[in-house]
N, C-alpha and C. Protein backbone atom coordinates (compact mmCIF):
# COMPACT_ATOMS: atom_id res chain seq x y z
N UNK A 1 -1.00 -3.23 -20.44
CA UNK A 1 -0.93 -3.94 -19.17
C UNK A 1 0.12 -3.27 -18.29
N UNK A 2 -0.27 -2.95 -17.07
CA UNK A 2 0.63 -2.32 -16.12
C UNK A 2 1.12 -3.36 -15.13
N UNK A 3 2.42 -3.36 -14.91
CA UNK A 3 2.99 -4.25 -13.90
C UNK A 3 3.42 -3.44 -12.69
N UNK A 4 3.24 -4.01 -11.53
CA UNK A 4 3.60 -3.36 -10.28
C UNK A 4 4.68 -4.17 -9.58
N UNK A 5 5.75 -3.49 -9.20
CA UNK A 5 6.86 -4.16 -8.52
C UNK A 5 6.98 -3.58 -7.12
N UNK A 6 6.80 -4.44 -6.15
CA UNK A 6 6.81 -4.02 -4.75
C UNK A 6 8.17 -4.33 -4.10
N UNK A 7 8.48 -3.57 -3.07
CA UNK A 7 9.66 -3.86 -2.26
C UNK A 7 9.38 -3.38 -0.84
N UNK A 8 10.14 -3.91 0.08
CA UNK A 8 9.95 -3.59 1.48
C UNK A 8 9.25 -4.73 2.20
N UNK A 9 8.76 -4.43 3.35
CA UNK A 9 8.12 -5.45 4.16
C UNK A 9 9.14 -6.17 5.02
N UNK A 10 8.66 -7.16 5.75
CA UNK A 10 9.55 -7.94 6.60
C UNK A 10 9.00 -8.07 8.00
N UNK A 11 9.90 -8.32 8.93
CA UNK A 11 9.54 -8.54 10.33
C UNK A 11 10.02 -7.37 11.18
N UNK A 12 9.13 -6.90 12.04
CA UNK A 12 9.47 -5.78 12.91
C UNK A 12 8.77 -5.97 14.25
N UNK A 13 9.34 -5.41 15.29
CA UNK A 13 8.71 -5.49 16.60
C UNK A 13 7.61 -4.45 16.72
N UNK A 14 6.69 -4.71 17.60
CA UNK A 14 5.59 -3.78 17.85
C UNK A 14 6.16 -2.41 18.23
N UNK A 15 5.59 -1.37 17.62
CA UNK A 15 6.07 -0.02 17.82
C UNK A 15 7.09 0.43 16.80
N UNK A 16 7.53 -0.50 15.99
CA UNK A 16 8.54 -0.19 14.97
C UNK A 16 7.95 0.37 13.69
N UNK A 17 8.82 0.54 12.70
CA UNK A 17 8.42 1.13 11.43
C UNK A 17 8.90 0.29 10.26
N UNK A 18 8.16 0.37 9.18
CA UNK A 18 8.55 -0.25 7.92
C UNK A 18 8.13 0.65 6.78
N UNK A 19 8.80 0.47 5.64
CA UNK A 19 8.45 1.24 4.45
C UNK A 19 8.24 0.28 3.29
N UNK A 20 7.12 0.47 2.61
CA UNK A 20 6.81 -0.30 1.41
C UNK A 20 6.87 0.61 0.19
N UNK A 21 7.47 0.11 -0.87
CA UNK A 21 7.55 0.88 -2.12
C UNK A 21 6.95 0.07 -3.26
N UNK A 22 6.45 0.79 -4.24
CA UNK A 22 5.85 0.12 -5.40
C UNK A 22 6.06 1.02 -6.62
N UNK A 23 6.49 0.41 -7.71
CA UNK A 23 6.70 1.14 -8.96
C UNK A 23 5.83 0.53 -10.04
N UNK A 24 5.12 1.40 -10.76
CA UNK A 24 4.27 0.94 -11.86
C UNK A 24 5.02 1.08 -13.18
N UNK A 25 4.77 0.14 -14.08
CA UNK A 25 5.48 0.14 -15.37
C UNK A 25 4.87 1.10 -16.37
N UNK A 26 3.69 1.66 -16.04
CA UNK A 26 3.04 2.59 -16.93
C UNK A 26 2.30 3.66 -16.14
N UNK A 27 1.68 4.57 -16.86
CA UNK A 27 0.97 5.67 -16.20
C UNK A 27 -0.36 5.18 -15.64
N UNK A 28 -0.60 5.52 -14.39
CA UNK A 28 -1.85 5.15 -13.74
C UNK A 28 -2.43 6.36 -13.03
N UNK A 29 -3.71 6.31 -12.72
CA UNK A 29 -4.36 7.44 -12.06
C UNK A 29 -4.24 7.34 -10.54
N UNK A 30 -4.59 6.22 -10.01
CA UNK A 30 -4.55 6.05 -8.56
C UNK A 30 -3.69 4.85 -8.20
N UNK A 31 -3.02 4.97 -7.08
CA UNK A 31 -2.24 3.85 -6.55
C UNK A 31 -2.64 3.65 -5.10
N UNK A 32 -2.54 2.44 -4.64
CA UNK A 32 -3.01 2.16 -3.29
C UNK A 32 -2.28 0.95 -2.72
N UNK A 33 -2.42 0.82 -1.42
CA UNK A 33 -1.97 -0.37 -0.72
C UNK A 33 -3.20 -1.00 -0.06
N UNK A 34 -3.35 -2.26 -0.30
CA UNK A 34 -4.35 -3.06 0.38
C UNK A 34 -3.61 -4.08 1.24
N UNK A 35 -4.32 -4.71 2.17
CA UNK A 35 -3.71 -5.77 2.95
C UNK A 35 -4.74 -6.86 3.24
N UNK A 36 -4.21 -8.05 3.44
CA UNK A 36 -5.07 -9.17 3.79
C UNK A 36 -4.39 -10.00 4.86
N UNK A 37 -5.06 -10.08 6.01
CA UNK A 37 -4.58 -10.89 7.11
C UNK A 37 -5.22 -12.28 7.01
N UNK A 38 -4.59 -13.28 7.60
CA UNK A 38 -5.14 -14.64 7.54
C UNK A 38 -6.58 -14.69 8.05
N UNK A 39 -7.46 -15.27 7.27
CA UNK A 39 -8.85 -15.41 7.67
C UNK A 39 -9.69 -14.15 7.55
N UNK A 40 -9.10 -13.10 6.99
CA UNK A 40 -9.84 -11.84 6.86
C UNK A 40 -9.91 -11.42 5.40
N UNK A 41 -10.85 -10.54 5.13
CA UNK A 41 -10.99 -10.02 3.77
C UNK A 41 -9.91 -8.98 3.49
N UNK A 42 -9.61 -8.84 2.22
CA UNK A 42 -8.66 -7.81 1.82
C UNK A 42 -9.28 -6.44 2.10
N UNK A 43 -8.49 -5.52 2.61
CA UNK A 43 -8.99 -4.19 2.93
C UNK A 43 -8.05 -3.12 2.38
N UNK A 44 -8.65 -1.99 2.05
CA UNK A 44 -7.86 -0.85 1.59
C UNK A 44 -7.17 -0.21 2.79
N UNK A 45 -5.88 -0.01 2.67
CA UNK A 45 -5.10 0.64 3.73
C UNK A 45 -4.96 2.13 3.45
N UNK A 46 -4.51 2.45 2.25
CA UNK A 46 -4.30 3.85 1.88
C UNK A 46 -4.26 3.96 0.37
N UNK A 47 -4.71 5.10 -0.13
CA UNK A 47 -4.68 5.33 -1.57
C UNK A 47 -4.27 6.76 -1.86
N UNK A 48 -3.82 6.98 -3.08
CA UNK A 48 -3.40 8.32 -3.50
C UNK A 48 -3.62 8.45 -4.99
N UNK A 49 -4.19 9.57 -5.39
CA UNK A 49 -4.46 9.81 -6.80
C UNK A 49 -3.30 10.57 -7.43
N UNK A 50 -3.39 10.74 -8.74
CA UNK A 50 -2.34 11.50 -9.44
C UNK A 50 -2.30 12.94 -8.96
N UNK A 51 -3.47 13.43 -8.50
CA UNK A 51 -3.54 14.77 -7.95
C UNK A 51 -3.12 14.84 -6.50
N UNK A 52 -2.65 13.71 -5.97
CA UNK A 52 -2.11 13.58 -4.62
C UNK A 52 -3.18 13.66 -3.54
N UNK A 53 -4.42 13.36 -3.89
CA UNK A 53 -5.45 13.22 -2.88
C UNK A 53 -5.29 11.86 -2.21
N UNK A 54 -5.35 11.86 -0.89
CA UNK A 54 -5.11 10.62 -0.15
C UNK A 54 -6.35 10.16 0.62
N UNK A 55 -6.36 8.88 0.90
CA UNK A 55 -7.43 8.29 1.69
C UNK A 55 -6.81 7.19 2.54
N UNK A 56 -7.22 7.12 3.81
CA UNK A 56 -6.67 6.13 4.73
C UNK A 56 -7.77 5.36 5.44
N UNK A 57 -7.50 4.11 5.73
CA UNK A 57 -8.37 3.36 6.60
C UNK A 57 -8.30 3.97 8.00
N UNK A 58 -9.40 3.95 8.71
CA UNK A 58 -9.43 4.54 10.06
C UNK A 58 -8.37 3.91 10.96
N UNK A 59 -8.12 2.63 10.77
CA UNK A 59 -7.20 1.91 11.65
C UNK A 59 -5.75 2.34 11.49
N UNK A 60 -5.42 3.04 10.41
CA UNK A 60 -4.02 3.43 10.20
C UNK A 60 -3.81 4.95 10.20
N UNK A 61 -4.88 5.70 10.31
CA UNK A 61 -4.76 7.16 10.32
C UNK A 61 -3.85 7.61 11.45
N UNK A 62 -2.94 8.51 11.12
CA UNK A 62 -2.01 9.02 12.11
C UNK A 62 -0.77 8.17 12.27
N UNK A 63 -0.76 6.96 11.69
CA UNK A 63 0.40 6.07 11.81
C UNK A 63 1.05 5.81 10.44
N UNK A 64 0.24 5.70 9.41
CA UNK A 64 0.74 5.41 8.06
C UNK A 64 0.65 6.67 7.21
N UNK A 65 1.60 6.79 6.30
CA UNK A 65 1.60 7.90 5.35
C UNK A 65 1.89 7.36 3.96
N UNK A 66 1.05 7.75 3.01
CA UNK A 66 1.27 7.35 1.62
C UNK A 66 1.71 8.57 0.82
N UNK A 67 2.75 8.40 0.05
CA UNK A 67 3.26 9.47 -0.80
C UNK A 67 3.50 8.92 -2.19
N UNK A 68 3.53 9.82 -3.15
CA UNK A 68 3.64 9.38 -4.54
C UNK A 68 4.59 10.30 -5.30
N UNK A 69 5.35 9.69 -6.18
CA UNK A 69 6.20 10.42 -7.11
C UNK A 69 5.64 10.16 -8.51
N UNK A 70 4.92 11.13 -9.04
CA UNK A 70 4.26 10.93 -10.33
C UNK A 70 5.26 10.72 -11.47
N UNK A 71 6.39 11.39 -11.38
CA UNK A 71 7.38 11.26 -12.45
C UNK A 71 7.91 9.83 -12.54
N UNK A 72 8.00 9.17 -11.39
CA UNK A 72 8.52 7.80 -11.35
C UNK A 72 7.41 6.76 -11.28
N UNK A 73 6.16 7.20 -11.23
CA UNK A 73 5.03 6.28 -11.03
C UNK A 73 5.31 5.36 -9.84
N UNK A 74 5.70 5.96 -8.76
CA UNK A 74 6.08 5.22 -7.57
C UNK A 74 5.26 5.70 -6.38
N UNK A 75 4.91 4.76 -5.54
CA UNK A 75 4.19 5.07 -4.32
C UNK A 75 4.93 4.43 -3.15
N UNK A 76 4.97 5.15 -2.04
CA UNK A 76 5.63 4.66 -0.84
C UNK A 76 4.64 4.72 0.32
N UNK A 77 4.60 3.66 1.08
CA UNK A 77 3.78 3.62 2.29
C UNK A 77 4.72 3.55 3.49
N UNK A 78 4.76 4.62 4.25
CA UNK A 78 5.55 4.66 5.47
C UNK A 78 4.66 4.25 6.63
N UNK A 79 5.05 3.18 7.31
CA UNK A 79 4.23 2.64 8.39
C UNK A 79 4.97 2.80 9.71
N UNK A 80 4.38 3.56 10.61
CA UNK A 80 4.98 3.80 11.92
C UNK A 80 4.08 3.25 13.01
N UNK A 81 4.65 3.07 14.19
CA UNK A 81 3.90 2.58 15.35
C UNK A 81 3.11 1.32 15.01
N UNK A 82 3.81 0.39 14.40
CA UNK A 82 3.16 -0.84 13.97
C UNK A 82 2.75 -1.69 15.17
N UNK A 83 1.65 -2.39 15.01
CA UNK A 83 1.16 -3.31 16.04
C UNK A 83 0.94 -4.68 15.40
N UNK A 84 0.81 -5.72 16.22
CA UNK A 84 0.54 -7.05 15.65
C UNK A 84 -0.70 -7.09 14.76
N UNK A 85 -1.65 -6.19 15.00
CA UNK A 85 -2.86 -6.14 14.17
C UNK A 85 -2.56 -5.72 12.74
N UNK A 86 -1.39 -5.16 12.50
CA UNK A 86 -0.99 -4.75 11.15
C UNK A 86 -0.37 -5.89 10.35
N UNK A 87 -0.18 -7.02 11.00
CA UNK A 87 0.40 -8.18 10.30
C UNK A 87 -0.53 -8.64 9.19
N UNK A 88 0.02 -8.71 7.99
CA UNK A 88 -0.78 -9.09 6.82
C UNK A 88 0.13 -9.14 5.59
N UNK A 89 -0.42 -9.64 4.51
CA UNK A 89 0.23 -9.49 3.20
C UNK A 89 -0.27 -8.17 2.62
N UNK A 90 0.66 -7.33 2.24
CA UNK A 90 0.32 -6.02 1.70
C UNK A 90 0.49 -6.05 0.18
N UNK A 91 -0.53 -5.55 -0.51
CA UNK A 91 -0.55 -5.55 -1.97
C UNK A 91 -0.59 -4.13 -2.51
N UNK A 92 0.29 -3.84 -3.42
CA UNK A 92 0.21 -2.59 -4.16
C UNK A 92 -0.81 -2.77 -5.27
N UNK A 93 -1.59 -1.72 -5.53
CA UNK A 93 -2.59 -1.80 -6.58
C UNK A 93 -2.64 -0.47 -7.33
N UNK A 94 -3.19 -0.52 -8.52
CA UNK A 94 -3.26 0.69 -9.33
C UNK A 94 -4.53 0.68 -10.17
N UNK A 95 -4.98 1.88 -10.47
CA UNK A 95 -6.18 2.03 -11.29
C UNK A 95 -5.95 3.10 -12.35
N UNK A 96 -6.50 2.88 -13.51
CA UNK A 96 -6.47 3.92 -14.53
C UNK A 96 -7.65 4.86 -14.31
N UNK A 97 -7.64 5.98 -14.98
CA UNK A 97 -8.75 6.93 -14.88
C UNK A 97 -10.04 6.27 -15.33
N UNK A 98 -9.92 5.38 -16.30
CA UNK A 98 -11.12 4.75 -16.87
C UNK A 98 -11.79 3.82 -15.88
N UNK A 99 -11.04 3.16 -15.05
CA UNK A 99 -11.62 2.13 -14.18
C UNK A 99 -11.74 2.56 -12.72
N UNK A 100 -11.02 3.58 -12.29
CA UNK A 100 -11.04 4.02 -10.89
C UNK A 100 -12.47 4.36 -10.48
N UNK A 101 -12.94 3.95 -9.29
CA UNK A 101 -12.15 3.49 -8.14
C UNK A 101 -11.88 1.99 -8.09
N UNK A 102 -12.12 1.30 -9.19
CA UNK A 102 -11.80 -0.12 -9.20
C UNK A 102 -10.31 -0.28 -9.55
N UNK A 103 -9.62 -1.08 -8.76
CA UNK A 103 -8.20 -1.30 -8.97
C UNK A 103 -8.01 -2.53 -9.83
N UNK A 104 -7.43 -2.31 -11.01
CA UNK A 104 -7.29 -3.39 -11.99
C UNK A 104 -5.95 -4.11 -11.92
N UNK A 105 -4.97 -3.43 -11.39
CA UNK A 105 -3.62 -3.99 -11.40
C UNK A 105 -3.13 -4.22 -9.98
N UNK A 106 -2.47 -5.36 -9.81
CA UNK A 106 -2.05 -5.76 -8.47
C UNK A 106 -0.62 -6.28 -8.49
N UNK A 107 0.10 -5.97 -7.40
CA UNK A 107 1.41 -6.54 -7.22
C UNK A 107 1.32 -7.95 -6.65
N UNK A 108 2.46 -8.55 -6.44
CA UNK A 108 2.49 -9.93 -5.99
C UNK A 108 2.26 -10.06 -4.48
N UNK A 109 2.38 -8.95 -3.78
CA UNK A 109 2.18 -8.96 -2.33
C UNK A 109 3.49 -9.10 -1.58
N UNK A 110 3.55 -8.46 -0.43
CA UNK A 110 4.74 -8.55 0.42
C UNK A 110 4.28 -8.72 1.86
N UNK A 111 4.95 -9.60 2.57
CA UNK A 111 4.54 -9.93 3.94
C UNK A 111 5.07 -8.90 4.92
N UNK A 112 4.18 -8.46 5.78
CA UNK A 112 4.55 -7.61 6.91
C UNK A 112 4.14 -8.35 8.18
N UNK A 113 5.11 -8.59 9.04
CA UNK A 113 4.85 -9.29 10.29
C UNK A 113 5.33 -8.44 11.45
N UNK A 114 4.41 -8.18 12.38
CA UNK A 114 4.73 -7.37 13.54
C UNK A 114 4.65 -8.27 14.77
N UNK A 115 5.75 -8.40 15.46
CA UNK A 115 5.78 -9.26 16.64
C UNK A 115 5.50 -8.44 17.89
N UNK A 116 4.88 -9.09 18.85
CA UNK A 116 4.53 -8.38 20.09
C UNK A 116 5.67 -8.42 21.09
């Protein structure tokens, strides 16, 4: 069983930046950040594999960057030029090679609120 510990998030004004970090307790193949806004479905924001291949939602391309430290099993999501539309609970997730692209492990979630 892999546990994910998230940190970061909070309140920021529109146009500002935030950084989210997540550490996995064991080895995983892919790590990702998903988000869920009130009344909306959870969506994939960004993902990164152990080989450092990345994928981004169209809505965050050019503004968010996901990086990974394989030695630490840590992933960081740098979020720039935030807008109120980015307000959501952000969840770190992870997948093993066996289950990817399905994400089996999830963090507790961290709130990101962007004020206008």
